[in-house]
N, C-alpha and C. Protein backbone atom coordinates (compact mmCIF):
# COMPACT_ATOMS: atom_id res chain seq x y z
N UNK A 1 0.78 -1.54 -0.06
CA UNK A 1 0.20 0.06 0.27
C UNK A 1 0.68 1.34 0.13
N UNK A 2 0.80 2.42 -1.17
CA UNK A 2 1.13 3.11 -1.21
C UNK A 2 1.17 4.30 0.04
N UNK A 3 1.67 4.67 0.70
CA UNK A 3 1.83 5.61 1.86
C UNK A 3 0.97 6.81 1.63
N UNK A 4 0.72 7.67 1.98
CA UNK A 4 0.07 9.09 1.78
C UNK A 4 0.57 10.15 2.49
N UNK A 5 0.66 10.97 1.42
CA UNK A 5 1.40 12.73 1.84
C UNK A 5 1.32 12.81 3.67
N UNK A 6 0.48 12.83 3.95
CA UNK A 6 0.07 13.16 5.18
C UNK A 6 0.07 12.19 6.37
N UNK A 7 0.43 10.84 5.57
CA UNK A 7 1.48 9.39 6.96
C UNK A 7 2.73 9.70 6.48
N UNK A 8 3.28 10.53 5.29
CA UNK A 8 4.42 10.87 5.39
C UNK A 8 4.74 11.94 6.62
N UNK A 9 4.20 12.62 6.06
CA UNK A 9 4.42 13.99 7.15
C UNK A 9 4.53 13.56 8.26
N UNK A 10 2.95 12.70 8.76
CA UNK A 10 3.40 12.22 10.71
C UNK A 10 4.37 11.66 11.12
N UNK A 11 4.77 10.75 10.06
CA UNK A 11 5.61 9.85 9.86
C UNK A 11 7.35 9.96 10.48
N UNK A 12 7.38 11.09 9.62
CA UNK A 12 8.87 11.82 9.60
C UNK A 12 8.42 12.74 10.59
N UNK A 13 7.54 13.55 10.93
CA UNK A 13 7.51 14.76 12.20
C UNK A 13 7.42 16.08 11.24
N UNK A 14 8.56 16.06 10.50
CA UNK A 14 9.10 17.25 10.36
C UNK A 14 9.12 17.81 8.51
N UNK A 15 9.13 19.13 8.74
CA UNK A 15 8.91 19.94 7.44
C UNK A 15 9.73 20.75 7.29
N UNK A 16 11.64 20.50 6.93
CA UNK A 16 12.21 21.71 6.80
C UNK A 16 12.03 22.78 5.62
N UNK A 17 12.24 23.95 5.78
CA UNK A 17 11.92 24.86 5.15
C UNK A 17 13.14 25.48 4.62
N UNK A 18 12.90 25.16 3.26
CA UNK A 18 14.39 25.90 2.15
C UNK A 18 14.20 26.72 1.82
N UNK A 19 14.93 28.33 2.04
CA UNK A 19 15.05 29.30 2.28
C UNK A 19 16.63 29.10 0.97
N UNK A 20 16.99 28.70 0.48
CA UNK A 20 18.65 28.90 -0.43
C UNK A 20 18.66 30.24 -1.17
N UNK A 21 19.69 30.49 -1.32
CA UNK A 21 19.77 31.83 -2.30
C UNK A 21 20.12 30.99 -3.48
N UNK A 22 20.15 29.99 -3.58
CA UNK A 22 19.94 29.66 -5.22
C UNK A 22 20.20 28.00 -6.07
N UNK A 23 19.96 27.78 -6.50
CA UNK A 23 19.84 26.55 -6.36
C UNK A 23 20.64 25.11 -6.03
N UNK A 24 22.10 25.57 -6.54
CA UNK A 24 23.26 24.80 -6.16
C UNK A 24 22.78 24.84 -4.55
N UNK A 25 23.36 25.68 -4.01
CA UNK A 25 23.33 25.96 -2.46
C UNK A 25 22.03 24.75 -1.91
N UNK A 26 20.66 25.30 -2.86
CA UNK A 26 19.99 24.18 -2.32
C UNK A 26 19.74 22.79 -2.52
N UNK A 27 20.32 22.49 -3.97
CA UNK A 27 20.82 21.41 -4.10
C UNK A 27 21.73 19.98 -3.01
N UNK A 28 22.30 21.07 -2.08
CA UNK A 28 23.90 20.54 -1.65
C UNK A 28 22.29 20.33 0.07
N UNK A 29 21.53 21.36 0.38
CA UNK A 29 21.30 21.15 1.80
C UNK A 29 19.97 19.62 1.54
N UNK A 30 18.94 19.90 0.70
CA UNK A 30 18.58 18.59 0.28
C UNK A 30 19.63 17.51 0.27
N UNK A 31 20.70 16.67 -0.76
CA UNK A 31 21.72 16.54 -0.55
C UNK A 31 21.23 16.11 1.08
N UNK A 32 21.67 16.78 2.28
CA UNK A 32 23.02 16.84 3.25
C UNK A 32 21.93 15.87 4.25
N UNK A 33 20.59 16.76 3.55
CA UNK A 33 19.57 16.45 5.02
C UNK A 33 19.06 14.92 4.64
N UNK A 34 18.90 14.77 3.04
CA UNK A 34 18.11 13.20 2.87
C UNK A 34 19.74 12.57 3.56
N UNK A 35 20.81 12.83 3.87
CA UNK A 35 21.92 11.31 4.03
C UNK A 35 21.48 10.96 5.50
N UNK A 36 21.09 12.17 5.82
CA UNK A 36 20.50 11.71 7.61
C UNK A 36 19.39 11.30 7.74
N UNK A 37 18.57 11.42 6.53
CA UNK A 37 17.36 10.49 6.93
C UNK A 37 15.77 11.30 6.79
N UNK A 38 15.88 12.74 6.24
CA UNK A 38 15.50 13.08 6.28
C UNK A 38 14.30 13.06 4.91
N UNK A 39 13.32 12.71 4.56
CA UNK A 39 13.25 12.55 3.16
C UNK A 39 11.58 13.65 2.95
N UNK A 40 11.67 14.77 3.35
CA UNK A 40 10.68 15.49 3.29
C UNK A 40 11.65 17.67 2.98
N UNK A 41 10.90 17.86 2.16
CA UNK A 41 11.28 19.51 1.90
C UNK A 41 10.39 20.63 1.63
N UNK A 42 10.60 21.47 1.87
CA UNK A 42 8.83 22.57 1.37
C UNK A 42 10.50 24.01 0.73
N UNK A 43 10.16 23.88 -0.49
CA UNK A 43 10.77 25.05 -1.41
C UNK A 43 9.61 25.83 -1.33
N UNK A 44 10.64 26.84 -0.48
CA UNK A 44 9.74 28.30 -0.68
C UNK A 44 9.46 29.05 -1.91
N UNK A 45 8.54 30.34 -2.22
CA UNK A 45 8.72 30.81 -2.86
C UNK A 45 9.82 31.49 -3.04
N UNK A 46 9.68 32.18 -2.45
CA UNK A 46 11.43 32.86 -2.24
C UNK A 46 13.10 32.79 -2.84
N UNK A 47 13.08 31.06 -3.00
CA UNK A 47 13.81 30.62 -3.25
C UNK A 47 14.14 31.19 -4.84
N UNK A 48 14.93 32.10 -5.44
CA UNK A 48 15.44 32.59 -6.89
C UNK A 48 14.97 31.23 -7.76
N UNK A 49 14.03 31.35 -8.67
CA UNK A 49 13.95 30.06 -9.16
C UNK A 49 13.09 28.63 -8.58
N UNK A 50 12.31 28.95 -7.61
CA UNK A 50 11.59 28.10 -7.21
C UNK A 50 10.68 26.79 -7.83
N UNK A 51 10.28 26.95 -8.61
CA UNK A 51 9.09 26.17 -9.51
C UNK A 51 10.52 25.36 -9.81
N UNK A 52 11.57 25.82 -11.00
CA UNK A 52 12.14 25.04 -11.68
C UNK A 52 13.13 24.10 -10.33
N UNK A 53 13.41 24.42 -9.52
CA UNK A 53 14.27 23.77 -8.32
C UNK A 53 13.39 22.52 -7.96
N UNK A 54 11.82 22.74 -7.66
CA UNK A 54 10.92 21.55 -7.92
C UNK A 54 10.62 20.60 -8.69
N UNK A 55 10.97 20.84 -10.17
CA UNK A 55 11.13 19.89 -11.45
C UNK A 55 12.49 19.58 -10.91
N UNK A 56 13.13 20.43 -10.61
CA UNK A 56 14.87 19.45 -10.61
C UNK A 56 14.80 18.06 -9.35
N UNK A 57 14.29 18.54 -8.10
CA UNK A 57 14.55 17.92 -6.93
C UNK A 57 13.08 16.58 -7.44
N UNK A 58 12.38 16.94 -8.13
CA UNK A 58 11.43 16.15 -8.69
C UNK A 58 11.98 14.85 -9.36
N UNK A 59 12.97 15.90 -10.28
CA UNK A 59 13.27 14.46 -11.23
C UNK A 59 14.67 13.77 -10.50
N UNK A 60 15.17 14.17 -9.46
CA UNK A 60 16.42 13.94 -9.00
C UNK A 60 16.58 12.56 -8.15
N UNK A 61 15.63 13.02 -6.97
CA UNK A 61 14.84 11.94 -6.08
C UNK A 61 14.21 11.52 -6.26
N UNK A 62 13.09 11.18 -7.32
CA UNK A 62 11.87 10.52 -8.14
C UNK A 62 11.63 9.08 -6.98
N UNK A 63 10.43 9.65 -6.74
CA UNK A 63 10.13 8.45 -5.19
C UNK A 63 10.92 8.61 -4.16
N UNK A 64 11.69 9.11 -3.72
CA UNK A 64 12.63 9.09 -2.01
C UNK A 64 12.43 10.19 -1.74
N UNK A 65 11.52 11.39 -2.05
CA UNK A 65 11.16 12.69 -1.55
C UNK A 65 10.30 13.25 -1.25
N UNK A 66 9.38 13.61 -0.84
CA UNK A 66 8.35 14.16 -1.07
C UNK A 66 8.43 15.95 -0.07
N UNK A 67 7.97 16.25 -0.99
CA UNK A 67 8.48 18.03 -1.44
C UNK A 67 6.92 18.47 -1.74
N UNK A 68 7.41 19.78 -0.89
CA UNK A 68 6.28 20.82 -1.25
C UNK A 68 7.10 21.99 -1.65
N UNK A 69 5.74 23.03 -2.04
CA UNK A 69 5.92 24.71 -1.78
C UNK A 69 5.83 25.58 -0.87
N UNK A 70 6.58 26.43 -0.53
CA UNK A 70 6.44 27.48 0.70
C UNK A 70 6.14 28.87 0.50
N UNK A 71 5.78 29.75 1.48
CA UNK A 71 5.50 31.21 1.15
C UNK A 71 4.76 31.40 -0.38
N UNK A 72 3.65 30.04 -0.27
CA UNK A 72 2.65 29.94 -1.42
C UNK A 72 1.03 31.21 -1.40
N UNK A 73 0.50 32.14 -1.85
CA UNK A 73 0.05 33.21 -1.51
C UNK A 73 -1.16 33.08 -2.68
N UNK A 74 -0.50 32.57 -3.75
CA UNK A 74 -1.92 33.08 -4.72
C UNK A 74 -2.38 31.31 -5.38
N UNK A 75 -3.46 31.47 -6.56
CA UNK A 75 -3.40 29.87 -6.70
C UNK A 75 -2.99 29.40 -7.56
N UNK A 76 -2.38 30.47 -8.58
CA UNK A 76 -1.06 30.44 -9.66
C UNK A 76 -0.40 29.62 -9.33
N UNK A 77 0.54 30.65 -7.84
CA UNK A 77 1.60 29.65 -7.76
C UNK A 77 1.78 28.00 -6.63
N UNK A 78 0.16 28.17 -6.15
CA UNK A 78 -0.05 26.45 -5.85
C UNK A 78 -0.22 26.09 -7.51
N UNK A 79 -0.44 26.16 -8.18
CA UNK A 79 -0.82 25.22 -9.49
C UNK A 79 0.35 25.40 -10.16
N UNK A 80 1.02 26.34 -9.80
CA UNK A 80 2.59 25.78 -10.73
C UNK A 80 3.36 25.34 -10.77
N UNK A 81 3.61 24.98 -8.59
CA UNK A 81 4.44 24.52 -7.73
C UNK A 81 3.36 23.06 -7.59
N UNK A 82 2.51 22.71 -7.85
CA UNK A 82 2.12 21.50 -7.55
C UNK A 82 2.33 21.06 -8.85
N UNK A 83 2.08 21.15 -10.11
CA UNK A 83 2.94 21.22 -11.96
C UNK A 83 4.07 20.24 -11.54
N UNK A 84 4.55 21.64 -11.15
CA UNK A 84 6.38 20.92 -10.88
C UNK A 84 6.84 19.88 -9.77
N UNK A 85 6.22 19.25 -8.99
CA UNK A 85 6.23 18.25 -8.16
C UNK A 85 5.48 17.76 -7.23
N UNK A 86 5.39 19.92 -6.44
CA UNK A 86 4.53 19.74 -5.11
C UNK A 86 3.64 18.77 -4.27
N UNK A 87 3.73 18.13 -3.48
CA UNK A 87 2.28 17.34 -3.47
C UNK A 87 1.69 17.78 -1.84
N UNK A 88 2.33 18.86 -1.45
CA UNK A 88 1.82 19.49 0.02
C UNK A 88 2.06 21.64 -1.11
N UNK A 89 1.38 22.44 0.02
CA UNK A 89 1.58 23.74 -0.20
C UNK A 89 1.07 24.12 0.71
N UNK A 90 2.51 24.89 1.47
CA UNK A 90 2.30 26.17 2.27
C UNK A 90 2.21 26.98 2.48
N UNK A 91 1.26 27.75 2.90
CA UNK A 91 1.01 29.48 3.36
C UNK A 91 1.42 29.96 4.13
N UNK A 92 2.12 31.27 4.98
CA UNK A 92 2.64 32.11 5.78
C UNK A 92 1.11 32.58 6.65
N UNK A 93 0.21 32.67 5.78
CA UNK A 93 -0.84 33.19 6.55
C UNK A 93 -2.01 32.86 5.32
N UNK A 94 -3.47 33.07 5.50
CA UNK A 94 -4.56 31.88 4.82
C UNK A 94 -4.89 32.83 4.10
N UNK A 95 -5.03 32.20 3.08
CA UNK A 95 -5.89 31.95 1.47
C UNK A 95 -6.40 30.91 0.56
N UNK A 96 -8.22 31.42 1.22
CA UNK A 96 -8.86 30.39 0.58
C UNK A 96 -8.46 30.02 -0.43
N UNK A 97 -8.04 30.97 -1.81
CA UNK A 97 -8.42 30.59 -3.39
C UNK A 97 -7.13 29.28 -3.16
N UNK A 98 -6.00 29.69 -2.02
CA UNK A 98 -4.34 28.56 -1.86
C UNK A 98 -5.30 27.05 -2.17
N UNK A 99 -6.25 27.30 -0.55
CA UNK A 99 -6.76 25.99 0.22
C UNK A 99 -7.31 25.52 -1.42
N UNK A 100 -8.33 25.75 -2.40
CA UNK A 100 -8.87 25.91 -2.88
C UNK A 100 -8.40 25.05 -4.19
N UNK A 101 -8.32 25.69 -4.15
CA UNK A 101 -6.45 25.27 -5.97
C UNK A 101 -6.12 23.85 -5.20
N UNK A 102 -5.68 23.91 -4.09
CA UNK A 102 -4.90 22.39 -3.49
C UNK A 102 -4.99 21.62 -3.43
N UNK A 103 -7.33 21.95 -3.06
CA UNK A 103 -7.47 20.52 -3.04
C UNK A 103 -8.21 19.97 -3.86
N UNK A 104 -8.41 21.33 -5.13
CA UNK A 104 -8.53 20.80 -6.35
C UNK A 104 -7.85 19.75 -7.24
N UNK A 105 -6.36 20.24 -7.03
CA UNK A 105 -4.73 19.37 -7.44
C UNK A 105 -5.03 18.03 -7.04
N UNK A 106 -5.79 17.43 -5.09
CA UNK A 106 -6.22 16.25 -4.26
C UNK A 106 -4.26 16.17 -3.63
N UNK A 107 -4.17 17.43 -3.77
CA UNK A 107 -2.84 17.61 -2.94
C UNK A 107 -3.42 18.26 -1.24
N UNK A 108 -2.26 17.72 -0.55
CA UNK A 108 -2.58 18.23 0.69
C UNK A 108 -2.25 20.12 1.26
N UNK A 109 -3.01 20.38 1.62
CA UNK A 109 -2.89 22.16 2.02
C UNK A 109 -2.52 22.42 3.32
N UNK A 110 -1.22 23.17 3.34
CA UNK A 110 -1.12 24.23 5.03
C UNK A 110 -0.93 25.15 5.39
N UNK A 111 -2.17 25.83 4.88
CA UNK A 111 -2.12 27.00 5.24
C UNK A 111 -2.21 27.95 6.71
N UNK A 112 -1.48 28.93 6.70
CA UNK A 112 -0.81 28.90 8.19
C UNK A 112 -1.73 30.35 8.51
N UNK A 113 -1.86 30.26 9.88
CA UNK A 113 -2.79 31.17 10.85
C UNK A 113 -1.92 30.92 12.17
N UNK A 114 -2.94 32.03 12.97
CA UNK A 114 -1.71 32.37 14.05
C UNK A 114 -3.29 32.22 15.45
N UNK A 115 -4.06 32.66 15.53
CA UNK A 115 -4.73 33.05 16.10
C UNK A 115 -6.17 32.40 16.26
N UNK A 116 -6.66 31.47 17.10
CA UNK A 116 -7.91 31.16 17.46
C UNK A 116 -8.72 30.70 16.00
N UNK A 117 -9.32 32.64 15.86
CA UNK A 117 -10.29 32.60 14.53
C UNK A 117 -10.16 31.76 13.68
N UNK A 118 -8.15 32.09 13.09
CA UNK A 118 -7.33 32.27 11.58
C UNK A 118 -7.33 30.70 11.61
N UNK A 119 -6.91 30.01 12.72
CA UNK A 119 -6.74 28.48 12.97
C UNK A 119 -8.68 27.64 12.05
N UNK A 120 -9.53 28.22 13.11
CA UNK A 120 -10.41 27.39 12.97
C UNK A 120 -11.07 27.99 10.77
N UNK A 121 -11.05 29.22 11.21
CA UNK A 121 -10.47 29.36 9.71
C UNK A 121 -10.38 28.34 8.84
N UNK A 122 -9.48 28.85 8.84
CA UNK A 122 -8.37 27.46 7.76
C UNK A 122 -8.88 26.08 7.74
N UNK A 123 -9.20 25.62 8.66
CA UNK A 123 -9.53 24.12 8.56
C UNK A 123 -11.36 24.47 7.90
N UNK A 124 -11.90 24.91 8.62
CA UNK A 124 -13.24 24.97 7.62
C UNK A 124 -13.15 24.93 5.73
N UNK A 125 -12.23 26.02 5.98
CA UNK A 125 -11.84 26.23 4.37
C UNK A 125 -11.18 24.79 3.58
N UNK A 126 -10.81 24.04 4.83
CA UNK A 126 -10.70 22.64 4.02
C UNK A 126 -9.13 22.26 3.91
N UNK A 127 -8.03 22.94 4.96
CA UNK A 127 -6.74 22.52 5.10
C UNK A 127 -6.98 21.54 5.93
N UNK A 128 -5.70 20.19 5.46
CA UNK A 128 -5.07 19.37 5.43
C UNK A 128 -4.82 19.52 7.13
N UNK A 129 -4.07 20.89 7.33
CA UNK A 129 -2.92 20.64 8.75
C UNK A 129 -3.17 22.42 8.56
N UNK A 130 -2.97 22.89 9.64
CA UNK A 130 -2.82 24.35 10.17
C UNK A 130 -1.65 24.87 10.08
N UNK A 131 -0.78 24.97 9.77
CA UNK A 131 0.49 26.10 10.38
C UNK A 131 0.32 26.57 11.14
N UNK A 132 1.51 26.65 12.47
CA UNK A 132 0.89 27.57 13.28
C UNK A 132 1.82 28.96 13.55
N UNK A 133 2.18 29.96 12.99
CA UNK A 133 2.73 30.75 12.47
C UNK A 133 3.10 32.38 12.48
N UNK A 134 3.86 32.95 13.56
CA UNK A 134 5.22 32.68 14.28
C UNK A 134 4.98 31.66 15.49
N UNK A 135 4.76 30.49 15.75
CA UNK A 135 4.48 30.25 17.06
C UNK A 135 5.68 30.68 17.73
N UNK A 136 6.56 30.55 18.31
CA UNK A 136 7.34 31.13 18.92
C UNK A 136 7.44 32.52 19.77
N UNK A 137 6.30 33.12 19.02
CA UNK A 137 6.30 34.34 19.25
C UNK A 137 5.33 34.61 20.13
N UNK A 138 4.52 33.98 20.15
CA UNK A 138 2.68 34.13 21.14
C UNK A 138 3.49 33.31 22.43
N UNK A 139 4.67 32.19 22.61
CA UNK A 139 4.50 31.32 23.59
C UNK A 139 4.54 30.29 23.62
N UNK A 140 4.88 29.49 22.27
CA UNK A 140 5.66 28.36 22.02
C UNK A 140 4.74 26.92 22.37
N UNK A 141 5.39 25.91 22.93
CA UNK A 141 4.53 24.83 22.86
C UNK A 141 3.52 25.08 23.50
N UNK A 142 3.04 26.36 24.57
CA UNK A 142 2.34 26.36 25.38
C UNK A 142 1.04 26.92 25.07
N UNK A 143 1.40 27.96 24.20
CA UNK A 143 -0.10 28.53 22.85
C UNK A 143 -0.17 27.58 21.72
N UNK A 144 0.33 26.50 21.63
CA UNK A 144 -0.19 25.57 20.54
C UNK A 144 -1.13 24.45 21.25
N UNK A 145 -0.79 24.18 22.87
CA UNK A 145 -1.60 23.65 24.07
C UNK A 145 -2.80 24.13 23.73
N UNK A 146 -2.48 25.74 24.37
CA UNK A 146 -4.26 26.01 24.56
C UNK A 146 -4.90 26.10 23.45
N UNK A 147 -4.26 26.54 21.97
CA UNK A 147 -4.75 26.13 20.70
C UNK A 147 -6.39 25.14 20.50
N UNK A 148 -5.50 24.04 20.83
CA UNK A 148 -5.80 22.45 20.88
C UNK A 148 -6.82 22.08 21.73
N UNK A 149 -6.95 23.43 23.26
CA UNK A 149 -8.17 22.37 24.04
C UNK A 149 -9.37 23.24 23.41
N UNK A 150 -9.61 24.06 22.75
CA UNK A 150 -10.92 24.08 22.53
C UNK A 150 -11.52 23.79 21.02
N UNK A 151 -10.01 22.98 20.35
CA UNK A 151 -10.40 22.36 19.22
C UNK A 151 -9.09 21.54 18.94
N UNK A 152 -9.39 20.38 19.51
CA UNK A 152 -8.99 18.98 20.22
C UNK A 152 -8.17 18.22 18.38
N UNK A 153 -9.31 18.53 17.43
CA UNK A 153 -9.51 17.78 16.08
C UNK A 153 -8.97 18.41 15.32
N UNK A 154 -8.09 19.68 15.46
CA UNK A 154 -7.40 20.18 14.71
C UNK A 154 -6.20 19.56 14.89
N UNK A 155 -4.99 19.89 13.12
CA UNK A 155 -4.16 19.33 12.84
C UNK A 155 -2.89 20.08 12.81
N UNK A 156 -2.34 20.10 13.98
CA UNK A 156 -1.22 21.64 13.48
C UNK A 156 0.10 21.06 14.10
N UNK A 157 0.70 22.31 13.10
CA UNK A 157 2.20 22.57 12.41
C UNK A 157 2.83 24.01 12.98
N UNK A 158 3.63 23.64 14.08
CA UNK A 158 3.91 24.83 14.32
C UNK A 158 5.69 24.93 13.46
N UNK A 159 5.63 26.64 13.48
CA UNK A 159 7.07 26.95 13.05
C UNK A 159 7.20 28.41 13.35
N UNK A 160 8.00 28.51 12.95
CA UNK A 160 8.60 30.09 14.03
C UNK A 160 9.33 29.50 15.64
N UNK A 161 10.74 29.20 15.42
CA UNK A 161 11.52 28.75 17.04
C UNK A 161 11.20 27.65 17.17
N UNK A 162 11.33 26.48 15.94
CA UNK A 162 11.42 25.16 16.42
C UNK A 162 12.82 25.10 15.97
N UNK A 163 13.51 24.73 16.99
CA UNK A 163 14.72 24.17 17.25
C UNK A 163 14.90 22.60 17.87
N UNK A 164 16.18 22.04 17.56
CA UNK A 164 15.93 20.94 18.66
C UNK A 164 15.94 21.00 20.33
N UNK A 165 15.84 22.12 20.65
CA UNK A 165 16.14 21.76 22.17
C UNK A 165 14.20 22.34 22.44
N UNK A 166 13.68 23.09 21.36
CA UNK A 166 12.31 23.47 21.32
C UNK A 166 11.55 22.32 21.06
N UNK A 167 11.51 21.09 20.14
CA UNK A 167 11.16 20.48 19.42
C UNK A 167 10.64 19.49 20.25
N UNK A 168 10.86 18.82 21.30
CA UNK A 168 9.88 17.82 22.24
C UNK A 168 8.97 18.69 22.80
N UNK A 169 8.58 19.75 23.20
CA UNK A 169 7.84 19.88 24.12
C UNK A 169 6.86 20.45 23.16
N UNK A 170 6.70 21.06 21.86
CA UNK A 170 5.75 21.23 20.68
C UNK A 170 4.93 19.92 20.02
N UNK A 171 5.86 18.56 20.44
CA UNK A 171 5.77 17.34 20.41
C UNK A 171 4.71 16.79 20.91
N UNK A 172 5.10 17.16 22.01
CA UNK A 172 4.36 16.76 23.79
C UNK A 172 2.93 17.84 23.73
N UNK A 173 2.94 18.79 23.35
CA UNK A 173 1.91 20.16 23.45
C UNK A 173 0.65 19.22 22.09
N UNK A 174 0.91 18.80 21.25
CA UNK A 174 0.18 17.60 20.68
C UNK A 174 0.44 18.17 19.14
N UNK A 175 1.60 18.77 18.68
CA UNK A 175 2.07 19.07 16.89
C UNK A 175 2.02 17.64 16.42
N UNK A 176 1.39 17.94 15.29
CA UNK A 176 1.43 16.74 14.18
C UNK A 176 2.95 16.41 13.78
N UNK A 177 3.59 17.26 13.42
CA UNK A 177 5.02 17.45 12.88
C UNK A 177 5.35 19.34 13.08
N UNK A 178 6.71 19.34 12.45
CA UNK A 178 7.52 19.83 13.10
C UNK A 178 7.55 20.96 11.53
N UNK A 179 7.52 22.81 11.25
CA UNK A 179 7.78 23.35 10.57
C UNK A 179 9.23 23.99 11.35
N UNK A 180 10.82 23.55 10.77
CA UNK A 180 11.84 23.65 11.22
C UNK A 180 13.37 24.49 10.15
N UNK A 181 12.95 25.67 10.72
CA UNK A 181 13.87 26.45 9.46
C UNK A 181 15.26 26.49 9.53
N UNK A 182 16.15 27.32 9.67
CA UNK A 182 17.41 27.55 9.56
C UNK A 182 18.52 26.50 10.85
N UNK A 183 17.39 25.98 11.63
CA UNK A 183 18.23 25.19 12.61
C UNK A 183 18.50 24.34 12.04
N UNK A 184 17.32 23.33 11.39
CA UNK A 184 18.12 22.04 10.00
C UNK A 184 18.94 22.67 9.09
N UNK A 185 17.79 23.49 7.93
CA UNK A 185 18.46 23.77 7.03
C UNK A 185 19.54 25.40 7.39
N UNK A 186 20.34 24.71 7.67
CA UNK A 186 21.94 25.49 8.03
C UNK A 186 22.57 26.37 6.73
N UNK A 187 22.39 27.31 6.82
CA UNK A 187 22.88 27.75 5.37
C UNK A 187 24.09 28.26 5.15
N UNK A 188 24.02 28.74 6.63
CA UNK A 188 25.72 29.21 7.17
C UNK A 188 26.88 27.13 7.64
N UNK A 189 26.39 26.15 7.49
CA UNK A 189 27.22 25.10 7.20
C UNK A 189 27.52 25.58 6.50
N UNK A 190 26.80 25.48 4.67
CA UNK A 190 27.31 24.89 4.02
C UNK A 190 28.44 26.17 3.45
N UNK A 191 28.09 27.17 4.04
CA UNK A 191 29.22 28.61 3.46
C UNK A 191 30.19 27.51 4.09
N UNK A 192 30.50 27.38 5.42
CA UNK A 192 31.91 26.97 5.65
C UNK A 192 32.06 25.36 5.46
N UNK A 193 31.45 25.38 4.11
CA UNK A 193 32.21 23.64 4.18
C UNK A 193 31.84 22.37 4.67
N UNK A 194 30.91 22.57 5.31
CA UNK A 194 30.42 21.81 6.52
C UNK A 194 28.84 21.06 6.65
N UNK A 195 28.84 20.44 5.41
CA UNK A 195 27.29 19.76 4.69
C UNK A 195 26.93 18.67 5.86
N UNK A 196 27.67 18.11 5.98
CA UNK A 196 28.09 16.91 7.82
C UNK A 196 26.99 17.44 8.49
N UNK A 197 27.52 18.93 9.16
CA UNK A 197 26.27 19.36 10.36
C UNK A 197 25.27 19.28 9.78
N UNK A 198 24.41 20.15 8.81
CA UNK A 198 23.11 19.65 8.43
C UNK A 198 22.95 17.42 8.15
N UNK A 199 22.88 17.48 8.48
CA UNK A 199 23.14 15.49 8.40
C UNK A 199 23.28 15.00 9.55
N UNK A 200 24.32 15.32 10.70
CA UNK A 200 23.85 15.45 11.84
C UNK A 200 22.82 15.89 12.55
N UNK A 201 22.54 17.23 12.76
CA UNK A 201 20.84 17.96 12.58
C UNK A 201 19.56 16.82 12.45
N UNK A 202 19.90 16.53 11.09
CA UNK A 202 18.75 16.34 10.35
C UNK A 202 18.06 14.83 11.39
N UNK A 203 19.60 13.77 11.94
CA UNK A 203 20.25 12.69 12.12
C UNK A 203 19.31 13.23 14.14
N UNK A 204 19.16 13.93 14.08
CA UNK A 204 18.98 14.40 15.84
C UNK A 204 17.45 14.70 16.17
N UNK A 205 17.08 15.59 15.12
CA UNK A 205 16.09 15.78 14.88
C UNK A 205 14.80 14.67 14.85
N UNK A 206 14.82 13.56 14.09
CA UNK A 206 14.06 12.50 13.95
C UNK A 206 14.69 11.81 15.44
N UNK A 207 15.91 11.59 16.03
CA UNK A 207 15.47 11.39 17.36
C UNK A 207 14.81 12.04 18.50
N UNK A 208 14.39 13.34 18.21
CA UNK A 208 13.71 13.66 19.16
C UNK A 208 12.20 13.31 19.17
N UNK A 209 11.92 13.15 17.58
CA UNK A 209 10.82 12.71 17.02
C UNK A 209 9.96 11.36 17.45
N UNK A 210 11.56 10.44 17.05
CA UNK A 210 10.82 9.08 17.89
C UNK A 210 11.19 9.09 19.19
N UNK A 211 11.73 9.64 19.86
CA UNK A 211 11.47 9.64 21.51
C UNK A 211 10.60 9.93 22.02
N UNK A 212 10.11 11.74 21.68
CA UNK A 212 8.66 11.69 22.04
C UNK A 212 7.61 11.03 21.28
N UNK A 213 7.42 10.06 20.22
CA UNK A 213 6.32 9.21 20.36
C UNK A 213 6.78 8.12 21.47
N UNK A 214 7.29 7.95 21.33
CA UNK A 214 8.03 6.59 22.50
C UNK A 214 7.17 6.77 23.56
N UNK A 215 8.28 8.08 24.22
CA UNK A 215 7.42 8.12 25.49
C UNK A 215 5.88 8.66 26.11
N UNK A 216 5.82 9.89 24.51
CA UNK A 216 3.79 10.28 24.78
C UNK A 216 2.91 9.66 24.06
N UNK A 217 3.37 8.22 23.09
CA UNK A 217 2.43 8.06 22.39
C UNK A 217 2.12 8.81 21.20
N UNK A 218 2.75 10.02 20.97
CA UNK A 218 2.29 10.38 20.07
C UNK A 218 2.31 9.88 18.85
């Protein structure tokens, strides 16, 4: 049985957010993360040539990586990135037309929200997950837990301020997966010629996810 996109996201437990400065840097980051066992990547629209990069990654890692697009704020961007290979579409904010375009193409929708009103509005608009962003700015794991008290059915992915030090607390608070930025997608390490730093961090994150789920039944 083929694993669904949602199953892969929840099994891996991480969505690395790729904001590279150019395609070569992006390829190097993905290679280093894959070496550490992380087989998901969100290519943001802020990466120069993001659509072409998605096509390249889809060809290079066919069947071995789950690709998504990020910072998507229009239906046209959603459609273009899905055509390029994105299986999930992430936004930093709430755009019903992006949710609709993503669902029409049969892909997983992850809009951004922050307040209780935005979170439930995103869910009712058809979101598969709701990205809580910027989560750390409003209390981190404690805020996530507070959101889930009245809305236990929501599937939340905190993003913003997720680090190795905070990852377990977010998972314990009820996160279905974690949106991880520069703590894992470490462009400085690449600039220093140390891609192994990214590989090691990827492994460390997967260990945190496994431990949290084993201990707390997530």
